[in-house]
């Protein structure tokens, strides 16, 4: 083995942690693999056939080093799909009324501002408190 091969192996082994069940997982693997593997899933449904689905995902890391996956949302009604731009969340949105849902913006595994999402066009607007 070359010197660089040994260095790379040492770095890779040092980046692994014990999962508690005897197996070992690389720190970045769990959130990234989970984010890549998540399928679309129904978050909430409302009147008139409106549904909000979790779609895209991204791995994130909290300031304390904990990893999580933030999910994008999409409004669906029949065959119509309306992505909600720039809003990743860590919890299911809730339906407020026939035209509005409320979703919490998540950044680095932490909840932030609440947004009201127009169910007709997917446009999020920060909720005023």
C-alpha atoms as a PDB file:
ATOM      1  CA  UNK A   1       0.000   0.000   0.000  1.00  0.00           C
ATOM      2  CA  UNK A   2       1.117   3.509  -0.696  1.00  0.00           C
ATOM      3  CA  UNK A   3       1.387   6.126   2.002  1.00  0.00           C
ATOM      4  CA  UNK A   4      -1.721   7.951   0.649  1.00  0.00           C
ATOM      5  CA  UNK A   5      -3.781   4.771   0.681  1.00  0.00           C
ATOM      6  CA  UNK A   6      -2.954   4.296   4.365  1.00  0.00           C
ATOM      7  CA  UNK A   7      -3.867   7.919   5.115  1.00  0.00           C
ATOM      8  CA  UNK A   8      -7.222   7.577   3.332  1.00  0.00           C
ATOM      9  CA  UNK A   9      -8.031   4.348   5.173  1.00  0.00           C
ATOM     10  CA  UNK A  10      -7.196   5.901   8.544  1.00  0.00           C
ATOM     11  CA  UNK A  11      -9.436   8.891   7.803  1.00  0.00           C
ATOM     12  CA  UNK A  12     -12.325   6.673   6.680  1.00  0.00           C
ATOM     13  CA  UNK A  13     -12.104   4.457   9.759  1.00  0.00           C
ATOM     14  CA  UNK A  14     -11.944   7.463  12.093  1.00  0.00           C
ATOM     15  CA  UNK A  15     -15.159   8.882  10.568  1.00  0.00           C
ATOM     16  CA  UNK A  16     -17.181   5.853  11.630  1.00  0.00           C
ATOM     17  CA  UNK A  17     -19.202   5.522  14.828  1.00  0.00           C
ATOM     18  CA  UNK A  18     -20.842   2.721  16.734  1.00  0.00           C
ATOM     19  CA  UNK A  19     -24.621   2.462  16.285  1.00  0.00           C
ATOM     20  CA  UNK A  20     -25.079   0.633  19.587  1.00  0.00           C
ATOM     21  CA  UNK A  21     -26.059  -2.684  18.000  1.00  0.00           C
ATOM     22  CA  UNK A  22     -22.522  -3.777  17.173  1.00  0.00           C
ATOM     23  CA  UNK A  23     -22.561  -2.403  13.629  1.00  0.00           C
ATOM     24  CA  UNK A  24     -20.648   0.655  12.526  1.00  0.00           C
ATOM     25  CA  UNK A  25     -21.897   3.392  10.221  1.00  0.00           C
ATOM     26  CA  UNK A  26     -20.140   6.389   8.704  1.00  0.00           C
ATOM     27  CA  UNK A  27     -21.426   9.624  10.201  1.00  0.00           C
ATOM     28  CA  UNK A  28     -22.449  11.143   6.858  1.00  0.00           C
ATOM     29  CA  UNK A  29     -23.899   7.936   5.453  1.00  0.00           C
ATOM     30  CA  UNK A  30     -27.038   7.761   7.581  1.00  0.00           C
ATOM     31  CA  UNK A  31     -28.604  11.140   6.746  1.00  0.00           C
ATOM     32  CA  UNK A  32     -27.413  11.192   3.129  1.00  0.00           C
ATOM     33  CA  UNK A  33     -28.524   7.620   2.447  1.00  0.00           C
ATOM     34  CA  UNK A  34     -31.868   8.234   4.124  1.00  0.00           C
ATOM     35  CA  UNK A  35     -32.423  11.453   2.155  1.00  0.00           C
ATOM     36  CA  UNK A  36     -31.631   9.692  -1.109  1.00  0.00           C
ATOM     37  CA  UNK A  37     -33.874   6.717  -0.310  1.00  0.00           C
ATOM     38  CA  UNK A  38     -37.014   8.539   0.868  1.00  0.00           C
ATOM     39  CA  UNK A  39     -40.007   8.110  -1.400  1.00  0.00           C
ATOM     40  CA  UNK A  40     -42.821  10.610  -1.753  1.00  0.00           C
ATOM     41  CA  UNK A  41     -45.237  10.211   1.141  1.00  0.00           C
ATOM     42  CA  UNK A  42     -48.576  11.729   2.049  1.00  0.00           C
ATOM     43  CA  UNK A  43     -48.229  14.283   4.862  1.00  0.00           C
ATOM     44  CA  UNK A  44     -51.829  15.486   5.208  1.00  0.00           C
ATOM     45  CA  UNK A  45     -55.082  15.599   3.241  1.00  0.00           C
ATOM     46  CA  UNK A  46     -57.956  18.058   3.293  1.00  0.00           C
ATOM     47  CA  UNK A  47     -61.366  18.808   1.824  1.00  0.00           C
ATOM     48  CA  UNK A  48     -61.946  18.701  -1.914  1.00  0.00           C
ATOM     49  CA  UNK A  49     -59.254  16.121  -2.560  1.00  0.00           C
ATOM     50  CA  UNK A  50     -56.311  18.377  -1.691  1.00  0.00           C
ATOM     51  CA  UNK A  51     -53.235  16.570  -0.381  1.00  0.00           C
ATOM     52  CA  UNK A  52     -49.829  17.740   0.781  1.00  0.00           C
ATOM     53  CA  UNK A  53     -47.008  15.335   0.083  1.00  0.00           C
ATOM     54  CA  UNK A  54     -43.420  15.166   1.265  1.00  0.00           C
ATOM     55  CA  UNK A  55     -41.278  14.998  -1.877  1.00  0.00           C
ATOM     56  CA  UNK A  56     -37.613  15.910  -2.209  1.00  0.00           C
ATOM     57  CA  UNK A  57     -35.311  15.593   0.776  1.00  0.00           C
ATOM     58  CA  UNK A  58     -31.961  16.895   1.899  1.00  0.00           C
ATOM     59  CA  UNK A  59     -29.647  15.726   4.664  1.00  0.00           C
ATOM     60  CA  UNK A  60     -29.016  18.278   7.403  1.00  0.00           C
ATOM     61  CA  UNK A  61     -26.874  18.556  10.514  1.00  0.00           C
ATOM     62  CA  UNK A  62     -27.857  20.351  13.722  1.00  0.00           C
ATOM     63  CA  UNK A  63     -25.357  22.534  15.575  1.00  0.00           C
ATOM     64  CA  UNK A  64     -24.899  19.712  18.120  1.00  0.00           C
ATOM     65  CA  UNK A  65     -23.903  17.272  15.346  1.00  0.00           C
ATOM     66  CA  UNK A  66     -27.230  15.383  15.207  1.00  0.00           C
ATOM     67  CA  UNK A  67     -28.295  14.533  11.671  1.00  0.00           C
ATOM     68  CA  UNK A  68     -31.776  14.677  10.196  1.00  0.00           C
ATOM     69  CA  UNK A  69     -33.561  14.896   6.872  1.00  0.00           C
ATOM     70  CA  UNK A  70     -35.543  17.965   5.834  1.00  0.00           C
ATOM     71  CA  UNK A  71     -38.378  17.395   3.332  1.00  0.00           C
ATOM     72  CA  UNK A  72     -39.837  19.567   0.585  1.00  0.00           C
ATOM     73  CA  UNK A  73     -43.602  19.619   0.154  1.00  0.00           C
ATOM     74  CA  UNK A  74     -45.944  19.560  -2.814  1.00  0.00           C
ATOM     75  CA  UNK A  75     -49.669  20.286  -3.080  1.00  0.00           C
ATOM     76  CA  UNK A  76     -51.579  17.663  -5.049  1.00  0.00           C
ATOM     77  CA  UNK A  77     -55.151  17.653  -6.257  1.00  0.00           C
ATOM     78  CA  UNK A  78     -56.037  14.850  -8.665  1.00  0.00           C
ATOM     79  CA  UNK A  79     -53.329  14.828 -11.323  1.00  0.00           C
ATOM     80  CA  UNK A  80     -52.246  18.412 -10.567  1.00  0.00           C
ATOM     81  CA  UNK A  81     -48.928  18.753  -8.705  1.00  0.00           C
ATOM     82  CA  UNK A  82     -47.786  22.108  -7.333  1.00  0.00           C
ATOM     83  CA  UNK A  83     -44.338  22.206  -5.715  1.00  0.00           C
ATOM     84  CA  UNK A  84     -43.938  24.607  -2.791  1.00  0.00           C
ATOM     85  CA  UNK A  85     -40.703  26.485  -3.523  1.00  0.00           C
ATOM     86  CA  UNK A  86     -37.889  26.943  -0.999  1.00  0.00           C
ATOM     87  CA  UNK A  87     -39.709  25.398   1.941  1.00  0.00           C
ATOM     88  CA  UNK A  88     -38.144  22.368   3.590  1.00  0.00           C
ATOM     89  CA  UNK A  89     -39.735  21.098   6.768  1.00  0.00           C
ATOM     90  CA  UNK A  90     -39.172  18.502   9.460  1.00  0.00           C
ATOM     91  CA  UNK A  91     -42.827  17.996  10.354  1.00  0.00           C
ATOM     92  CA  UNK A  92     -46.148  17.535   8.631  1.00  0.00           C
ATOM     93  CA  UNK A  93     -47.933  20.734   7.602  1.00  0.00           C
ATOM     94  CA  UNK A  94     -51.511  21.249   8.732  1.00  0.00           C
ATOM     95  CA  UNK A  95     -54.528  22.388   6.770  1.00  0.00           C
ATOM     96  CA  UNK A  96     -55.834  25.748   8.028  1.00  0.00           C
ATOM     97  CA  UNK A  97     -58.813  26.125   5.661  1.00  0.00           C
ATOM     98  CA  UNK A  98     -59.865  25.260   2.091  1.00  0.00           C
ATOM     99  CA  UNK A  99     -57.185  27.483   0.550  1.00  0.00           C
ATOM    100  CA  UNK A 100     -54.350  27.532   3.109  1.00  0.00           C
ATOM    101  CA  UNK A 101     -51.963  25.205   4.901  1.00  0.00           C
ATOM    102  CA  UNK A 102     -49.418  26.056   7.600  1.00  0.00           C
ATOM    103  CA  UNK A 103     -45.883  24.664   7.407  1.00  0.00           C
ATOM    104  CA  UNK A 104     -42.805  25.243   9.552  1.00  0.00           C
ATOM    105  CA  UNK A 105     -39.535  26.017   7.790  1.00  0.00           C
ATOM    106  CA  UNK A 106     -36.652  23.840   9.014  1.00  0.00           C
ATOM    107  CA  UNK A 107     -32.984  24.681   8.632  1.00  0.00           C
ATOM    108  CA  UNK A 108     -30.238  22.432   9.991  1.00  0.00           C
ATOM    109  CA  UNK A 109     -32.733  20.250  11.888  1.00  0.00           C
ATOM    110  CA  UNK A 110     -34.256  23.215  13.703  1.00  0.00           C
ATOM    111  CA  UNK A 111     -37.735  24.687  13.386  1.00  0.00           C
ATOM    112  CA  UNK A 112     -37.920  28.285  12.214  1.00  0.00           C
ATOM    113  CA  UNK A 113     -40.647  30.586  10.969  1.00  0.00           C
ATOM    114  CA  UNK A 114     -44.141  29.395  10.118  1.00  0.00           C
ATOM    115  CA  UNK A 115     -45.363  29.843   6.542  1.00  0.00           C
ATOM    116  CA  UNK A 116     -48.873  29.945   5.163  1.00  0.00           C
ATOM    117  CA  UNK A 117     -49.006  28.025   1.891  1.00  0.00           C
ATOM    118  CA  UNK A 118     -51.634  28.913  -0.695  1.00  0.00           C
ATOM    119  CA  UNK A 119     -53.112  25.558  -1.743  1.00  0.00           C
ATOM    120  CA  UNK A 120     -54.096  26.936  -5.161  1.00  0.00           C
ATOM    121  CA  UNK A 121     -50.625  27.998  -6.339  1.00  0.00           C
ATOM    122  CA  UNK A 122     -48.162  26.629  -3.727  1.00  0.00           C
ATOM    123  CA  UNK A 123     -46.856  30.065  -2.809  1.00  0.00           C
ATOM    124  CA  UNK A 124     -45.533  30.247   0.774  1.00  0.00           C
ATOM    125  CA  UNK A 125     -45.844  33.507   2.737  1.00  0.00           C
ATOM    126  CA  UNK A 126     -44.242  33.977   6.140  1.00  0.00           C
ATOM    127  CA  UNK A 127     -46.875  34.044   8.858  1.00  0.00           C
ATOM    128  CA  UNK A 128     -46.991  37.252  10.809  1.00  0.00           C
ATOM    129  CA  UNK A 129     -47.022  36.821  14.549  1.00  0.00           C
END
